[in-house]
Protein backbone atom coordinates (compact mmCIF):
# COMPACT_ATOMS: atom_id res chain seq x y z
CA UNK A 1 0.01 0.08 0.01
CA UNK A 2 1.01 3.33 -0.73
CA UNK A 3 3.34 4.49 2.13
CA UNK A 4 1.32 8.07 2.52
CA UNK A 5 -1.80 6.63 2.45
CA UNK A 6 -0.66 4.17 5.60
CA UNK A 7 0.32 7.35 7.55
CA UNK A 8 -2.45 8.96 7.17
CA UNK A 9 -4.45 5.75 8.23
CA UNK A 10 -2.42 5.67 11.19
CA UNK A 11 -3.00 9.30 12.04
CA UNK A 12 -6.74 9.05 11.59
CA UNK A 13 -6.68 5.51 13.96
CA UNK A 14 -4.61 7.90 16.74
CA UNK A 15 -6.93 11.01 16.47
CA UNK A 16 -10.13 8.94 16.21
CA UNK A 17 -9.00 7.13 19.73
CA UNK A 18 -8.20 10.75 21.45
CA UNK A 19 -11.71 12.57 19.93
CA UNK A 20 -13.75 10.09 21.99
CA UNK A 21 -12.34 11.01 25.08
CA UNK A 22 -13.10 14.84 24.00
CA UNK A 23 -15.79 15.96 26.84
CA UNK A 24 -18.02 18.84 25.95
CA UNK A 25 -21.80 19.76 26.56
CA UNK A 26 -22.67 18.45 23.32
CA UNK A 27 -21.03 15.22 21.67
CA UNK A 28 -20.29 16.00 18.03
CA UNK A 29 -21.76 13.89 15.55
CA UNK A 30 -18.64 12.94 13.97
CA UNK A 31 -17.14 11.27 17.21
CA UNK A 32 -20.08 8.53 16.90
CA UNK A 33 -18.90 8.27 12.87
CA UNK A 34 -15.74 7.06 11.59
CA UNK A 35 -16.63 7.49 8.32
CA UNK A 36 -17.63 10.97 8.46
CA UNK A 37 -14.49 11.50 10.55
CA UNK A 38 -12.21 9.74 7.86
CA UNK A 39 -13.69 11.84 5.05
CA UNK A 40 -13.15 15.56 6.78
CA UNK A 41 -9.77 14.67 8.44
CA UNK A 42 -8.22 12.40 5.48
CA UNK A 43 -8.85 14.84 3.18
CA UNK A 44 -6.79 17.61 5.12
CA UNK A 45 -4.06 15.03 5.52
CA UNK A 46 -4.00 14.17 1.95
CA UNK A 47 -2.84 17.58 0.96
CA UNK A 48 -0.07 17.51 3.37
CA UNK A 49 3.42 15.85 2.49
CA UNK A 50 4.13 12.70 3.72
CA UNK A 51 7.07 14.52 6.19
CA UNK A 52 4.45 16.97 7.92
CA UNK A 53 1.96 13.39 8.20
CA UNK A 54 5.15 11.58 9.43
CA UNK A 55 5.63 14.40 11.96
CA UNK A 56 2.35 14.68 13.22
CA UNK A 57 1.77 11.06 13.55
CA UNK A 58 4.83 11.34 15.92
CA UNK A 59 3.20 14.23 17.65
CA UNK A 60 -0.02 11.92 18.38
CA UNK A 61 2.17 8.99 20.04
CA UNK A 62 4.36 11.50 21.81
CA UNK A 63 1.03 12.91 23.22
CA UNK A 64 -0.24 9.29 24.15
CA UNK A 65 2.93 8.15 25.88
CA UNK A 66 2.68 11.57 27.92
CA UNK A 67 -1.04 11.23 28.87
CA UNK A 68 -2.10 14.08 26.63
CA UNK A 69 -5.01 14.26 24.31
CA UNK A 70 -4.25 16.56 21.50
CA UNK A 71 -7.92 16.79 20.40
CA UNK A 72 -8.95 17.55 23.93
CA UNK A 73 -6.66 20.45 23.84
CA UNK A 74 -7.70 21.66 20.61
CA UNK A 75 -11.18 22.26 21.64
CA UNK A 76 -10.09 23.58 24.80
CA UNK A 77 -7.99 26.03 22.95
CA UNK A 78 -10.71 26.98 20.54
CA UNK A 79 -12.88 27.97 23.57
CA UNK A 80 -9.71 29.50 25.08
CA UNK A 81 -10.08 27.40 28.31
CA UNK A 82 -6.45 26.92 28.77
CA UNK A 83 -3.77 29.19 27.51
CA UNK A 84 -1.60 29.59 24.31
CA UNK A 85 0.40 26.02 23.86
CA UNK A 86 3.78 27.60 22.43
CA UNK A 87 5.96 29.84 24.26
CA UNK A 88 8.35 30.61 21.88
CA UNK A 89 8.05 33.69 19.90
CA UNK A 90 8.91 32.17 16.49
CA UNK A 91 6.75 29.23 16.61
CA UNK A 92 3.92 31.52 17.49
CA UNK A 93 4.95 33.64 14.54
CA UNK A 94 5.08 30.43 12.24
CA UNK A 95 1.16 29.57 13.51
CA UNK A 96 0.17 33.21 12.56
CA UNK A 97 1.76 33.07 9.09
CA UNK A 98 -0.09 29.62 8.44
CA UNK A 99 -3.06 31.15 9.48
CA UNK A 100 -3.08 34.24 7.52
CA UNK A 101 -2.37 32.51 4.19
CA UNK A 102 -5.20 29.51 4.89
CA UNK A 103 -7.57 32.75 5.86
CA UNK A 104 -6.79 34.02 2.31
CA UNK A 105 -6.96 30.62 0.79
CA UNK A 106 -10.36 30.57 2.64
CA UNK A 107 -11.75 33.89 1.60
CA UNK A 108 -10.61 33.17 -2.14
CA UNK A 109 -12.60 30.01 -2.10
CA UNK A 110 -15.74 31.86 -0.46
CA UNK A 111 -15.26 34.35 -3.80
CA UNK A 112 -15.42 31.40 -6.28
CA UNK A 113 -18.08 29.20 -4.55
CA UNK A 114 -20.06 31.21 -1.87
CA UNK A 115 -22.67 28.71 -1.65
CA UNK A 116 -20.46 25.83 -0.74
CA UNK A 117 -18.31 27.69 1.79
CA UNK A 118 -21.04 29.24 3.12
CA UNK A 119 -22.61 25.71 4.21
CA UNK A 120 -19.55 25.19 6.65
CA UNK A 121 -18.15 27.43 9.39
CA UNK A 122 -18.07 31.47 9.43
CA UNK A 123 -14.34 32.27 8.45
CA UNK A 124 -13.65 34.84 11.30
CA UNK A 125 -15.71 35.42 14.75
CA UNK A 126 -16.70 39.00 12.97
CA UNK A 127 -18.89 36.74 10.72
CA UNK A 128 -20.61 34.84 13.42
CA UNK A 129 -24.08 34.90 13.26
CA UNK A 130 -24.44 32.05 15.66
CA UNK A 131 -22.54 29.87 18.55
CA UNK A 132 -20.72 28.07 15.71
CA UNK A 133 -16.82 28.34 15.87
CA UNK A 134 -15.19 30.21 13.30
CA UNK A 135 -12.53 28.78 10.61
CA UNK A 136 -9.80 31.01 11.99
CA UNK A 137 -10.91 29.97 15.63
CA UNK A 138 -10.62 26.39 15.05
CA UNK A 139 -7.26 26.41 12.49
CA UNK A 140 -5.84 27.93 15.27
CA UNK A 141 -6.66 25.87 18.11
CA UNK A 142 -5.31 22.96 15.85
CA UNK A 143 -2.19 24.56 14.82
CA UNK A 144 -1.30 25.20 18.45
CA UNK A 145 -1.39 21.13 19.39
CA UNK A 146 1.26 20.69 16.71
CA UNK A 147 4.76 20.21 17.78
CA UNK A 148 7.43 22.71 16.30
CA UNK A 149 8.78 20.13 14.04
CA UNK A 150 5.16 19.51 12.46
CA UNK A 151 4.44 23.33 12.10
CA UNK A 152 7.99 24.14 10.41
CA UNK A 153 7.04 21.09 7.62
CA UNK A 154 3.44 22.55 7.22
CA UNK A 155 4.53 26.17 6.64
CA UNK A 156 7.33 24.86 3.87
CA UNK A 157 4.46 22.70 2.45
CA UNK A 158 2.36 25.83 2.33
CA UNK A 159 4.94 27.73 1.08
CA UNK A 160 5.35 25.33 -1.94
CA UNK A 161 1.72 25.40 -2.64
CA UNK A 162 2.28 29.32 -2.92
CA UNK A 163 5.18 29.23 -5.24
CA UNK A 164 2.88 26.91 -7.45
CA UNK A 165 0.20 29.14 -7.32
CA UNK A 166 -1.91 26.66 -5.74
CA UNK A 167 -4.60 26.72 -2.81
CA UNK A 168 -4.09 24.14 -0.48
CA UNK A 169 -7.35 24.50 1.10
CA UNK A 170 -9.16 24.01 -2.64
CA UNK A 171 -7.00 20.95 -2.57
CA UNK A 172 -8.70 19.65 0.52
CA UNK A 173 -12.41 20.47 -0.60
CA UNK A 174 -11.69 18.83 -3.85
CA UNK A 175 -10.80 15.51 -2.55
CA UNK A 176 -13.51 15.96 0.43
CA UNK A 177 -16.35 16.34 -2.18
CA UNK A 178 -15.28 13.60 -4.33
CA UNK A 179 -15.03 11.40 -1.37
CA UNK A 180 -18.81 12.94 -0.51
CA UNK A 181 -19.99 11.76 -4.10
CA UNK A 182 -19.89 14.66 -5.84
CA UNK A 183 -17.62 15.14 -9.45
CA UNK A 184 -15.70 18.49 -8.27
CA UNK A 185 -16.08 21.43 -5.92
CA UNK A 186 -17.89 22.81 -8.90
CA UNK A 187 -20.17 20.24 -8.84
CA UNK A 188 -20.90 20.82 -5.01
CA UNK A 189 -21.21 24.55 -5.14
CA UNK A 190 -24.19 24.00 -8.15
CA UNK A 191 -25.62 21.49 -5.62
CA UNK A 192 -25.30 23.85 -2.84
CA UNK A 193 -26.93 26.86 -4.99
CA UNK A 194 -29.74 24.63 -5.81
CA UNK A 195 -30.90 23.74 -2.27
CA UNK A 196 -30.54 27.51 -1.39
CA UNK A 197 -33.06 28.45 -4.17
CA UNK A 198 -35.42 25.95 -3.42
């Protein structure tokens, strides 16, 4: 089997195990649905280099050994229940740079596929009209759970995408919608548009 697919499979197994122990007021639907979890999370990891996935897999293993649950920490950071998980200024700056680029990519896609993107999370807290966590808050909460090496590798992946003129977020969505049964993100956009107009 493809080494990258094997690594992703390992990462998803480790994440899903941690996800089962996340305590919240309302249990997330995908906590009881590995297939949905695998589609959403797996699509993200497929856009990463094998080096970044391997580093994150190592993060998950180290967290398990030390009794830390990265999924719990992610949601705790999203709700501002714990302080920033990194103290080194350069690492925090890397998180901010990654978030800034991914925010630009998300906004670019919102212009191209407004109906499809609007089905998801609000992009920033300023756009919130409900209690849903924004894309930016969710992203930063997750990035903080990554090790320095994983962040550096992911930043490199992103810079390489920028150099090729690619939008990594579009790559994630392209993979996700195909696994959900659509031909393309354009097909998913058309479907979302029709539902709004019904």
